Amino acid sequence: MTKNRKKLPVNAILAAGLIIAGLMLCLTALGFVWTPYMPNAMKYGRFQPPSPAHIFGTDQFGRDIFSRILKGSGTTLAISLLTVVIGAVAGTLVGAVTGYFGGVVDDILMRINDALTAFPSFLLALLIVSLIGPGKKYSVILALGLVFIPSFARVMRTEFASLREQNYVTGARLMGASNLRILFVHLLPNTFRVLLPAFTIGFNNAVLAEASMSFLGIGVTPPDSSLGYMLSEAQGMLRAAPWYAICTGCTIVILIFGVGLIGEGMHVQQEEVG
């Protein structure tokens, strides 16, 4: 009975996170194939407040805000996911090599990692975007992906270093398993308990970073739209159309909140199991 009561809050956190994030994902997926109105159509009346016809109202050009949020969420989600995938894959490879082999390889790669970490991540992303060219999706994805590598590399290095001396790894070596097999067959699956929560944290940071860059005008630019760019637009019309900023900002908050609950639920679950 006591064990069940302890697990209930964890399951509730995971369930809440999965429900919230799942609903946001469904709405985002819907935006790729259907929106109530054409997102860029300027014909629905300027500054219309929320109503049954336009549940989030319209903006300064007479565009339906709900349709634009559906479309912009897809852009933000795609950029954030690709960003974290780049950071997680590259960071895991670096962490695997440095944590498993150690020695000179560890020293060289970790010094490079420390050098990248020394720069404020957001400023480093701004620098990379400015060099590649602002206003392009791939430049934002590449810049943020490179910025996320050091954090994943450090987390995964610690995990691989702690696992390399386990008995099953020693047994695999004695049976003649290659280093690649040990890394990717024996060790990598056992690092998911750390990688998955780190992925959720990275995703939330990527959403905020993309929104911040688009808000500053160096991320996604028209004709594409993202939640950050829409929030930047809404800043100039807080009095005329406060619903624009409220609806867009709440969308970002709800998305981050849902994914954050998933990460927190997984972390607490691991502590309970451990």
C-alpha atoms as a PDB file:
ATOM      1  CA  MET A   1       0.000   0.000   0.000  1.00  0.00           C
ATOM      2  CA  THR A   2       2.784   2.426   0.931  1.00  0.00           C
ATOM      3  CA  LYS A   3       4.604   1.699  -2.303  1.00  0.00           C
ATOM      4  CA  ASN A   4       1.499   2.401  -4.371  1.00  0.00           C
ATOM      5  CA  ARG A   5       0.909   5.723  -2.606  1.00  0.00           C
ATOM      6  CA  LYS A   6       4.481   6.777  -3.325  1.00  0.00           C
ATOM      7  CA  LYS A   7       4.191   5.992  -7.003  1.00  0.00           C
ATOM      8  CA  LEU A   8       0.855   7.730  -7.504  1.00  0.00           C
ATOM      9  CA  PRO A   9       2.237  11.320  -7.610  1.00  0.00           C
ATOM     10  CA  VAL A  10       4.912  10.244 -10.086  1.00  0.00           C
ATOM     11  CA  ASN A  11       2.365   8.628 -12.362  1.00  0.00           C
ATOM     12  CA  ALA A  12       0.144  11.689 -12.012  1.00  0.00           C
ATOM     13  CA  ILE A  13       3.004  14.002 -13.044  1.00  0.00           C
ATOM     14  CA  LEU A  14       3.842  11.839 -16.049  1.00  0.00           C
ATOM     15  CA  ALA A  15       0.191  11.502 -17.024  1.00  0.00           C
ATOM     16  CA  ALA A  16      -0.413  15.244 -16.777  1.00  0.00           C
ATOM     17  CA  GLY A  17       2.692  15.998 -18.818  1.00  0.00           C
ATOM     18  CA  LEU A  18       1.824  13.438 -21.486  1.00  0.00           C
ATOM     19  CA  ILE A  19      -1.739  14.739 -21.751  1.00  0.00           C
ATOM     20  CA  ILE A  20      -0.727  18.395 -22.035  1.00  0.00           C
ATOM     21  CA  ALA A  21       2.180  17.767 -24.397  1.00  0.00           C
ATOM     22  CA  GLY A  22       0.085  15.280 -26.401  1.00  0.00           C
ATOM     23  CA  LEU A  23      -2.727  17.794 -26.904  1.00  0.00           C
ATOM     24  CA  MET A  24      -0.239  20.454 -27.990  1.00  0.00           C
ATOM     25  CA  LEU A  25       1.396  17.997 -30.370  1.00  0.00           C
ATOM     26  CA  CYS A  26      -1.973  17.050 -31.861  1.00  0.00           C
ATOM     27  CA  LEU A  27      -2.895  20.702 -32.408  1.00  0.00           C
ATOM     28  CA  THR A  28       0.515  21.352 -33.939  1.00  0.00           C
ATOM     29  CA  ALA A  29       0.171  18.359 -36.266  1.00  0.00           C
ATOM     30  CA  LEU A  30      -3.298  19.591 -37.212  1.00  0.00           C
ATOM     31  CA  GLY A  31      -1.801  22.928 -38.215  1.00  0.00           C
ATOM     32  CA  PHE A  32       0.333  21.229 -40.863  1.00  0.00           C
ATOM     33  CA  VAL A  33      -2.726  19.957 -42.737  1.00  0.00           C
ATOM     34  CA  TRP A  34      -5.630  22.210 -41.720  1.00  0.00           C
ATOM     35  CA  THR A  35      -6.343  25.597 -40.159  1.00  0.00           C
ATOM     36  CA  PRO A  36      -9.761  27.275 -39.685  1.00  0.00           C
ATOM     37  CA  TYR A  37      -8.653  30.159 -41.897  1.00  0.00           C
ATOM     38  CA  MET A  38      -5.717  30.844 -44.167  1.00  0.00           C
ATOM     39  CA  PRO A  39      -2.956  31.942 -41.760  1.00  0.00           C
ATOM     40  CA  ASN A  40      -1.693  34.759 -43.966  1.00  0.00           C
ATOM     41  CA  ALA A  41      -5.047  35.946 -45.349  1.00  0.00           C
ATOM     42  CA  MET A  42      -5.618  39.634 -44.470  1.00  0.00           C
ATOM     43  CA  LYS A  43      -9.376  39.784 -44.854  1.00  0.00           C
ATOM     44  CA  TYR A  44     -11.033  39.032 -41.535  1.00  0.00           C
ATOM     45  CA  GLY A  45     -11.120  42.510 -40.010  1.00  0.00           C
ATOM     46  CA  ARG A  46      -8.418  44.243 -37.997  1.00  0.00           C
ATOM     47  CA  PHE A  47      -8.249  43.820 -34.216  1.00  0.00           C
ATOM     48  CA  GLN A  48     -11.311  41.632 -33.900  1.00  0.00           C
ATOM     49  CA  PRO A  49     -11.540  40.425 -30.259  1.00  0.00           C
ATOM     50  CA  PRO A  50     -11.955  36.723 -29.474  1.00  0.00           C
ATOM     51  CA  SER A  51     -15.330  35.467 -30.619  1.00  0.00           C
ATOM     52  CA  PRO A  52     -16.959  32.228 -31.837  1.00  0.00           C
ATOM     53  CA  ALA A  53     -15.826  33.117 -35.364  1.00  0.00           C
ATOM     54  CA  HIS A  54     -12.227  33.865 -34.332  1.00  0.00           C
ATOM     55  CA  ILE A  55     -11.584  32.244 -30.958  1.00  0.00           C
ATOM     56  CA  PHE A  56      -8.231  34.031 -30.502  1.00  0.00           C
ATOM     57  CA  GLY A  57      -9.265  37.188 -32.369  1.00  0.00           C
ATOM     58  CA  THR A  58      -7.433  38.800 -35.273  1.00  0.00           C
ATOM     59  CA  ASP A  59      -4.253  40.873 -35.559  1.00  0.00           C
ATOM     60  CA  GLN A  60      -3.386  44.250 -37.076  1.00  0.00           C
ATOM     61  CA  PHE A  61      -3.639  42.864 -40.609  1.00  0.00           C
ATOM     62  CA  GLY A  62      -6.929  41.064 -40.085  1.00  0.00           C
ATOM     63  CA  ARG A  63      -5.336  37.606 -39.882  1.00  0.00           C
ATOM     64  CA  ASP A  64      -6.860  34.885 -37.720  1.00  0.00           C
ATOM     65  CA  ILE A  65      -4.568  34.461 -34.708  1.00  0.00           C
ATOM     66  CA  PHE A  66      -5.631  30.900 -33.896  1.00  0.00           C
ATOM     67  CA  SER A  67      -4.748  29.766 -37.421  1.00  0.00           C
ATOM     68  CA  ARG A  68      -1.413  31.535 -37.203  1.00  0.00           C
ATOM     69  CA  ILE A  69      -0.662  29.937 -33.820  1.00  0.00           C
ATOM     70  CA  LEU A  70      -1.418  26.492 -35.236  1.00  0.00           C
ATOM     71  CA  LYS A  71       0.966  27.158 -38.111  1.00  0.00           C
ATOM     72  CA  GLY A  72       3.604  28.910 -36.013  1.00  0.00           C
ATOM     73  CA  SER A  73       3.603  26.149 -33.392  1.00  0.00           C
ATOM     74  CA  GLY A  74       4.638  23.687 -36.089  1.00  0.00           C
ATOM     75  CA  THR A  75       7.618  25.846 -37.022  1.00  0.00           C
ATOM     76  CA  THR A  76       8.676  26.292 -33.392  1.00  0.00           C
ATOM     77  CA  LEU A  77       8.224  22.593 -32.629  1.00  0.00           C
ATOM     78  CA  ALA A  78      10.169  21.462 -35.702  1.00  0.00           C
ATOM     79  CA  ILE A  79      13.061  23.828 -34.991  1.00  0.00           C
ATOM     80  CA  SER A  80      13.183  22.852 -31.316  1.00  0.00           C
ATOM     81  CA  LEU A  81      13.093  19.104 -31.985  1.00  0.00           C
ATOM     82  CA  LEU A  82      15.771  19.238 -34.684  1.00  0.00           C
ATOM     83  CA  THR A  83      17.900  21.459 -32.470  1.00  0.00           C
ATOM     84  CA  VAL A  84      17.773  19.048 -29.540  1.00  0.00           C
ATOM     85  CA  VAL A  85      18.339  16.022 -31.780  1.00  0.00           C
ATOM     86  CA  ILE A  86      21.531  17.606 -33.137  1.00  0.00           C
ATOM     87  CA  GLY A  87      22.722  18.490 -29.652  1.00  0.00           C
ATOM     88  CA  ALA A  88      21.771  15.109 -28.176  1.00  0.00           C
ATOM     89  CA  VAL A  89      23.299  12.974 -30.947  1.00  0.00           C
ATOM     90  CA  ALA A  90      26.561  14.928 -31.194  1.00  0.00           C
ATOM     91  CA  GLY A  91      26.784  15.405 -27.435  1.00  0.00           C
ATOM     92  CA  THR A  92      26.191  11.701 -26.804  1.00  0.00           C
ATOM     93  CA  LEU A  93      28.944  10.754 -29.255  1.00  0.00           C
ATOM     94  CA  VAL A  94      31.388  13.151 -27.610  1.00  0.00           C
ATOM     95  CA  GLY A  95      30.345  12.004 -24.137  1.00  0.00           C
ATOM     96  CA  ALA A  96      30.657   8.341 -25.115  1.00  0.00           C
ATOM     97  CA  VAL A  97      34.175   8.745 -26.489  1.00  0.00           C
ATOM     98  CA  THR A  98      35.463  10.903 -23.648  1.00  0.00           C
ATOM     99  CA  GLY A  99      33.738   8.988 -20.855  1.00  0.00           C
ATOM    100  CA  TYR A 100      34.672   5.523 -22.089  1.00  0.00           C
ATOM    101  CA  PHE A 101      38.227   6.038 -23.353  1.00  0.00           C
ATOM    102  CA  GLY A 102      39.383   8.908 -21.127  1.00  0.00           C
ATOM    103  CA  GLY A 103      43.045   9.896 -21.391  1.00  0.00           C
ATOM    104  CA  VAL A 104      44.249  12.323 -24.049  1.00  0.00           C
ATOM    105  CA  VAL A 105      41.027  12.074 -26.055  1.00  0.00           C
ATOM    106  CA  ASP A 106      39.063  13.100 -22.996  1.00  0.00           C
ATOM    107  CA  ASP A 107      41.391  16.020 -22.262  1.00  0.00           C
ATOM    108  CA  ILE A 108      41.262  17.427 -25.801  1.00  0.00           C
ATOM    109  CA  LEU A 109      37.519  17.108 -26.364  1.00  0.00           C
ATOM    110  CA  MET A 110      36.613  18.358 -22.882  1.00  0.00           C
ATOM    111  CA  ARG A 111      38.850  21.410 -23.248  1.00  0.00           C
ATOM    112  CA  ILE A 112      37.032  22.246 -26.475  1.00  0.00           C
ATOM    113  CA  ASN A 113      33.755  21.603 -24.677  1.00  0.00           C
ATOM    114  CA  ASP A 114      34.800  23.905 -21.814  1.00  0.00           C
ATOM    115  CA  ALA A 115      35.772  26.627 -24.286  1.00  0.00           C
ATOM    116  CA  LEU A 116      32.314  26.519 -25.852  1.00  0.00           C
ATOM    117  CA  THR A 117      30.663  26.473 -22.435  1.00  0.00           C
ATOM    118  CA  ALA A 118      32.619  29.571 -21.396  1.00  0.00           C
ATOM    119  CA  PHE A 119      30.601  31.676 -23.828  1.00  0.00           C
ATOM    120  CA  PRO A 120      27.004  32.550 -22.903  1.00  0.00           C
ATOM    121  CA  SER A 121      24.991  30.081 -24.973  1.00  0.00           C
ATOM    122  CA  PHE A 122      22.523  32.627 -26.307  1.00  0.00           C
ATOM    123  CA  LEU A 123      25.276  35.023 -27.405  1.00  0.00           C
ATOM    124  CA  LEU A 124      27.093  32.143 -29.104  1.00  0.00           C
ATOM    125  CA  ALA A 125      23.905  31.252 -30.972  1.00  0.00           C
ATOM    126  CA  LEU A 126      23.493  34.878 -32.055  1.00  0.00           C
ATOM    127  CA  LEU A 127      27.068  34.900 -33.345  1.00  0.00           C
ATOM    128  CA  ILE A 128      26.579  31.694 -35.345  1.00  0.00           C
ATOM    129  CA  VAL A 129      23.284  32.918 -36.826  1.00  0.00           C
ATOM    130  CA  SER A 130      24.822  36.237 -37.821  1.00  0.00           C
ATOM    131  CA  LEU A 131      27.668  34.400 -39.579  1.00  0.00           C
ATOM    132  CA  ILE A 132      25.402  31.949 -41.402  1.00  0.00           C
ATOM    133  CA  GLY A 133      22.693  34.482 -42.185  1.00  0.00           C
ATOM    134  CA  PRO A 134      19.679  35.485 -40.074  1.00  0.00           C
ATOM    135  CA  GLY A 135      16.071  34.808 -41.013  1.00  0.00           C
ATOM    136  CA  LYS A 136      16.582  31.220 -42.189  1.00  0.00           C
ATOM    137  CA  LYS A 137      15.248  28.147 -40.428  1.00  0.00           C
ATOM    138  CA  TYR A 138      18.340  26.060 -41.033  1.00  0.00           C
ATOM    139  CA  SER A 139      20.615  28.741 -39.592  1.00  0.00           C
ATOM    140  CA  VAL A 140      18.598  28.822 -36.354  1.00  0.00           C
ATOM    141  CA  ILE A 141      18.574  25.000 -36.165  1.00  0.00           C
ATOM    142  CA  LEU A 142      22.310  24.710 -36.795  1.00  0.00           C
ATOM    143  CA  ALA A 143      23.217  27.514 -34.403  1.00  0.00           C
ATOM    144  CA  LEU A 144      21.108  26.231 -31.525  1.00  0.00           C
ATOM    145  CA  GLY A 145      22.113  22.624 -32.232  1.00  0.00           C
ATOM    146  CA  LEU A 146      25.811  23.507 -31.904  1.00  0.00           C
ATOM    147  CA  VAL A 147      25.129  25.456 -28.717  1.00  0.00           C
ATOM    148  CA  PHE A 148      23.377  22.466 -27.127  1.00  0.00           C
ATOM    149  CA  ILE A 149      26.229  19.998 -27.770  1.00  0.00           C
ATOM    150  CA  PRO A 150      28.399  20.928 -24.737  1.00  0.00           C
ATOM    151  CA  SER A 151      25.621  20.428 -22.176  1.00  0.00           C
ATOM    152  CA  PHE A 152      24.708  16.985 -23.538  1.00  0.00           C
ATOM    153  CA  ALA A 153      28.389  16.033 -23.859  1.00  0.00           C
ATOM    154  CA  ARG A 154      29.118  16.770 -20.203  1.00  0.00           C
ATOM    155  CA  VAL A 155      26.063  14.895 -18.929  1.00  0.00           C
ATOM    156  CA  MET A 156      26.736  11.848 -21.101  1.00  0.00           C
ATOM    157  CA  ARG A 157      30.463  11.807 -20.346  1.00  0.00           C
ATOM    158  CA  THR A 158      29.704  11.459 -16.648  1.00  0.00           C
ATOM    159  CA  GLU A 159      27.232   8.651 -17.323  1.00  0.00           C
ATOM    160  CA  PHE A 160      29.517   6.665 -19.648  1.00  0.00           C
ATOM    161  CA  ALA A 161      32.446   7.081 -17.233  1.00  0.00           C
ATOM    162  CA  SER A 162      30.364   5.686 -14.355  1.00  0.00           C
ATOM    163  CA  LEU A 163      29.155   2.713 -16.409  1.00  0.00           C
ATOM    164  CA  ARG A 164      32.408   1.610 -18.062  1.00  0.00           C
ATOM    165  CA  GLU A 165      33.622  -0.254 -14.960  1.00  0.00           C
ATOM    166  CA  GLN A 166      30.409  -2.204 -14.425  1.00  0.00           C
ATOM    167  CA  ASN A 167      30.643  -6.003 -14.281  1.00  0.00           C
ATOM    168  CA  TYR A 168      28.678  -6.536 -17.489  1.00  0.00           C
ATOM    169  CA  VAL A 169      31.113  -4.283 -19.362  1.00  0.00           C
ATOM    170  CA  THR A 170      34.081  -6.236 -18.010  1.00  0.00           C
ATOM    171  CA  GLY A 171      32.360  -9.457 -19.020  1.00  0.00           C
ATOM    172  CA  ALA A 172      31.761  -8.143 -22.527  1.00  0.00           C
ATOM    173  CA  ARG A 173      35.458  -7.256 -22.860  1.00  0.00           C
ATOM    174  CA  LEU A 174      36.502 -10.720 -21.703  1.00  0.00           C
ATOM    175  CA  MET A 175      34.201 -12.252 -24.322  1.00  0.00           C
ATOM    176  CA  GLY A 176      35.968 -10.252 -27.034  1.00  0.00           C
ATOM    177  CA  ALA A 177      33.351  -7.551 -27.686  1.00  0.00           C
ATOM    178  CA  SER A 178      34.697  -4.555 -29.592  1.00  0.00           C
ATOM    179  CA  ASN A 179      34.683  -1.080 -28.110  1.00  0.00           C
ATOM    180  CA  LEU A 180      31.980   0.006 -30.547  1.00  0.00           C
ATOM    181  CA  ARG A 181      29.761  -2.887 -29.508  1.00  0.00           C
ATOM    182  CA  ILE A 182      30.300  -2.143 -25.835  1.00  0.00           C
ATOM    183  CA  LEU A 183      29.542   1.552 -26.361  1.00  0.00           C
ATOM    184  CA  PHE A 184      26.400   1.256 -28.452  1.00  0.00           C
ATOM    185  CA  VAL A 185      24.973  -2.138 -27.441  1.00  0.00           C
ATOM    186  CA  HIS A 186      25.867  -2.463 -23.761  1.00  0.00           C
ATOM    187  CA  LEU A 187      26.340   1.095 -22.508  1.00  0.00           C
ATOM    188  CA  LEU A 188      24.140   3.387 -24.605  1.00  0.00           C
ATOM    189  CA  PRO A 189      20.783   1.766 -23.667  1.00  0.00           C
ATOM    190  CA  ASN A 190      21.682   2.167 -19.983  1.00  0.00           C
ATOM    191  CA  THR A 191      22.235   5.917 -20.410  1.00  0.00           C
ATOM    192  CA  PHE A 192      18.660   6.601 -21.524  1.00  0.00           C
ATOM    193  CA  ARG A 193      17.588   7.177 -17.915  1.00  0.00           C
ATOM    194  CA  VAL A 194      19.782  10.294 -17.997  1.00  0.00           C
ATOM    195  CA  LEU A 195      19.427  11.162 -21.674  1.00  0.00           C
ATOM    196  CA  LEU A 196      15.632  11.324 -21.780  1.00  0.00           C
ATOM    197  CA  PRO A 197      15.200  13.860 -18.942  1.00  0.00           C
ATOM    198  CA  ALA A 198      18.072  15.882 -20.422  1.00  0.00           C
ATOM    199  CA  PHE A 199      16.267  15.787 -23.768  1.00  0.00           C
ATOM    200  CA  THR A 200      13.085  17.251 -22.267  1.00  0.00           C
ATOM    201  CA  ILE A 201      15.044  20.022 -20.554  1.00  0.00           C
ATOM    202  CA  GLY A 202      16.894  20.704 -23.794  1.00  0.00           C
ATOM    203  CA  PHE A 203      13.636  20.856 -25.729  1.00  0.00           C
ATOM    204  CA  ASN A 204      12.195  23.465 -23.377  1.00  0.00           C
ATOM    205  CA  ASN A 205      15.386  25.513 -23.608  1.00  0.00           C
ATOM    206  CA  ALA A 206      15.262  25.235 -27.408  1.00  0.00           C
ATOM    207  CA  VAL A 207      11.670  26.517 -27.499  1.00  0.00           C
ATOM    208  CA  LEU A 208      12.661  29.513 -25.383  1.00  0.00           C
ATOM    209  CA  ALA A 209      15.823  30.122 -27.416  1.00  0.00           C
ATOM    210  CA  GLU A 210      13.985  29.980 -30.751  1.00  0.00           C
ATOM    211  CA  ALA A 211      11.266  32.266 -29.399  1.00  0.00           C
ATOM    212  CA  SER A 212      13.880  34.718 -28.110  1.00  0.00           C
ATOM    213  CA  MET A 213      15.775  34.801 -31.395  1.00  0.00           C
ATOM    214  CA  SER A 214      12.611  35.275 -33.429  1.00  0.00           C
ATOM    215  CA  PHE A 215      11.468  37.906 -30.931  1.00  0.00           C
ATOM    216  CA  LEU A 216      14.695  39.828 -31.614  1.00  0.00           C
ATOM    217  CA  GLY A 217      14.167  39.520 -35.373  1.00  0.00           C
ATOM    218  CA  ILE A 218      17.110  37.215 -36.161  1.00  0.00           C
ATOM    219  CA  GLY A 219      15.218  33.939 -36.113  1.00  0.00           C
ATOM    220  CA  VAL A 220      12.272  32.985 -38.291  1.00  0.00           C
ATOM    221  CA  THR A 221      11.041  35.831 -40.491  1.00  0.00           C
ATOM    222  CA  PRO A 222       8.056  36.252 -42.881  1.00  0.00           C
ATOM    223  CA  PRO A 223       6.546  34.587 -44.822  1.00  0.00           C
ATOM    224  CA  ASP A 224       7.297  31.869 -42.235  1.00  0.00           C
ATOM    225  CA  SER A 225       5.911  32.366 -38.748  1.00  0.00           C
ATOM    226  CA  SER A 226       6.820  31.031 -35.336  1.00  0.00           C
ATOM    227  CA  LEU A 227       5.556  31.617 -31.821  1.00  0.00           C
ATOM    228  CA  GLY A 228       8.529  33.852 -31.046  1.00  0.00           C
ATOM    229  CA  TYR A 229       8.003  36.004 -34.115  1.00  0.00           C
ATOM    230  CA  MET A 230       4.289  36.308 -33.351  1.00  0.00           C
ATOM    231  CA  LEU A 231       5.087  37.364 -29.791  1.00  0.00           C
ATOM    232  CA  SER A 232       7.391  40.027 -31.204  1.00  0.00           C
ATOM    233  CA  GLU A 233       4.550  41.275 -33.404  1.00  0.00           C
ATOM    234  CA  ALA A 234       2.156  41.305 -30.457  1.00  0.00           C
ATOM    235  CA  GLN A 235       4.491  43.513 -28.413  1.00  0.00           C
ATOM    236  CA  GLY A 236       3.566  46.576 -30.444  1.00  0.00           C
ATOM    237  CA  MET A 237      -0.180  46.165 -29.986  1.00  0.00           C
ATOM    238  CA  LEU A 238      -0.620  45.350 -26.311  1.00  0.00           C
ATOM    239  CA  ARG A 239      -3.264  48.064 -25.961  1.00  0.00           C
ATOM    240  CA  ALA A 240      -5.067  47.563 -29.257  1.00  0.00           C
ATOM    241  CA  ALA A 241      -5.065  43.746 -29.185  1.00  0.00           C
ATOM    242  CA  PRO A 242      -3.823  42.332 -25.860  1.00  0.00           C
ATOM    243  CA  TRP A 243      -5.291  38.942 -26.769  1.00  0.00           C
ATOM    244  CA  TYR A 244      -2.562  38.493 -29.401  1.00  0.00           C
ATOM    245  CA  ALA A 245       0.244  38.477 -26.809  1.00  0.00           C
ATOM    246  CA  ILE A 246      -1.808  36.571 -24.228  1.00  0.00           C
ATOM    247  CA  CYS A 247      -2.784  33.724 -26.573  1.00  0.00           C
ATOM    248  CA  THR A 248       0.685  33.396 -28.101  1.00  0.00           C
ATOM    249  CA  GLY A 249       2.482  33.614 -24.756  1.00  0.00           C
ATOM    250  CA  CYS A 250       0.138  31.087 -23.128  1.00  0.00           C
ATOM    251  CA  THR A 251       0.768  28.654 -25.988  1.00  0.00           C
ATOM    252  CA  ILE A 252       4.524  28.790 -25.314  1.00  0.00           C
ATOM    253  CA  VAL A 253       4.018  28.430 -21.562  1.00  0.00           C
ATOM    254  CA  ILE A 254       1.637  25.457 -21.878  1.00  0.00           C
ATOM    255  CA  LEU A 255       3.968  23.647 -24.290  1.00  0.00           C
ATOM    256  CA  ILE A 256       6.978  24.124 -22.004  1.00  0.00           C
ATOM    257  CA  PHE A 257       4.946  23.216 -18.925  1.00  0.00           C
ATOM    258  CA  GLY A 258       3.747  19.928 -20.442  1.00  0.00           C
ATOM    259  CA  VAL A 259       7.195  18.809 -21.571  1.00  0.00           C
ATOM    260  CA  GLY A 260       8.668  19.924 -18.244  1.00  0.00           C
ATOM    261  CA  LEU A 261       6.197  17.728 -16.369  1.00  0.00           C
ATOM    262  CA  ILE A 262       7.280  14.740 -18.466  1.00  0.00           C
ATOM    263  CA  GLY A 263      10.926  15.346 -17.598  1.00  0.00           C
ATOM    264  CA  GLU A 264      10.147  15.844 -13.906  1.00  0.00           C
ATOM    265  CA  GLY A 265       8.004  12.717 -13.829  1.00  0.00           C
ATOM    266  CA  MET A 266      10.745  10.607 -15.394  1.00  0.00           C
ATOM    267  CA  HIS A 267      13.333  11.982 -13.000  1.00  0.00           C
ATOM    268  CA  VAL A 268      11.255  11.259  -9.892  1.00  0.00           C
ATOM    269  CA  GLN A 269      10.350   7.826 -11.261  1.00  0.00           C
ATOM    270  CA  GLN A 270      14.034   6.970 -11.604  1.00  0.00           C
ATOM    271  CA  GLU A 271      14.696   8.090  -8.037  1.00  0.00           C
ATOM    272  CA  GLU A 272      11.856   5.891  -6.788  1.00  0.00           C
ATOM    273  CA  VAL A 273      13.176   2.883  -8.729  1.00  0.00           C
ATOM    274  CA  GLY A 274      16.734   3.582  -7.598  1.00  0.00           C
END
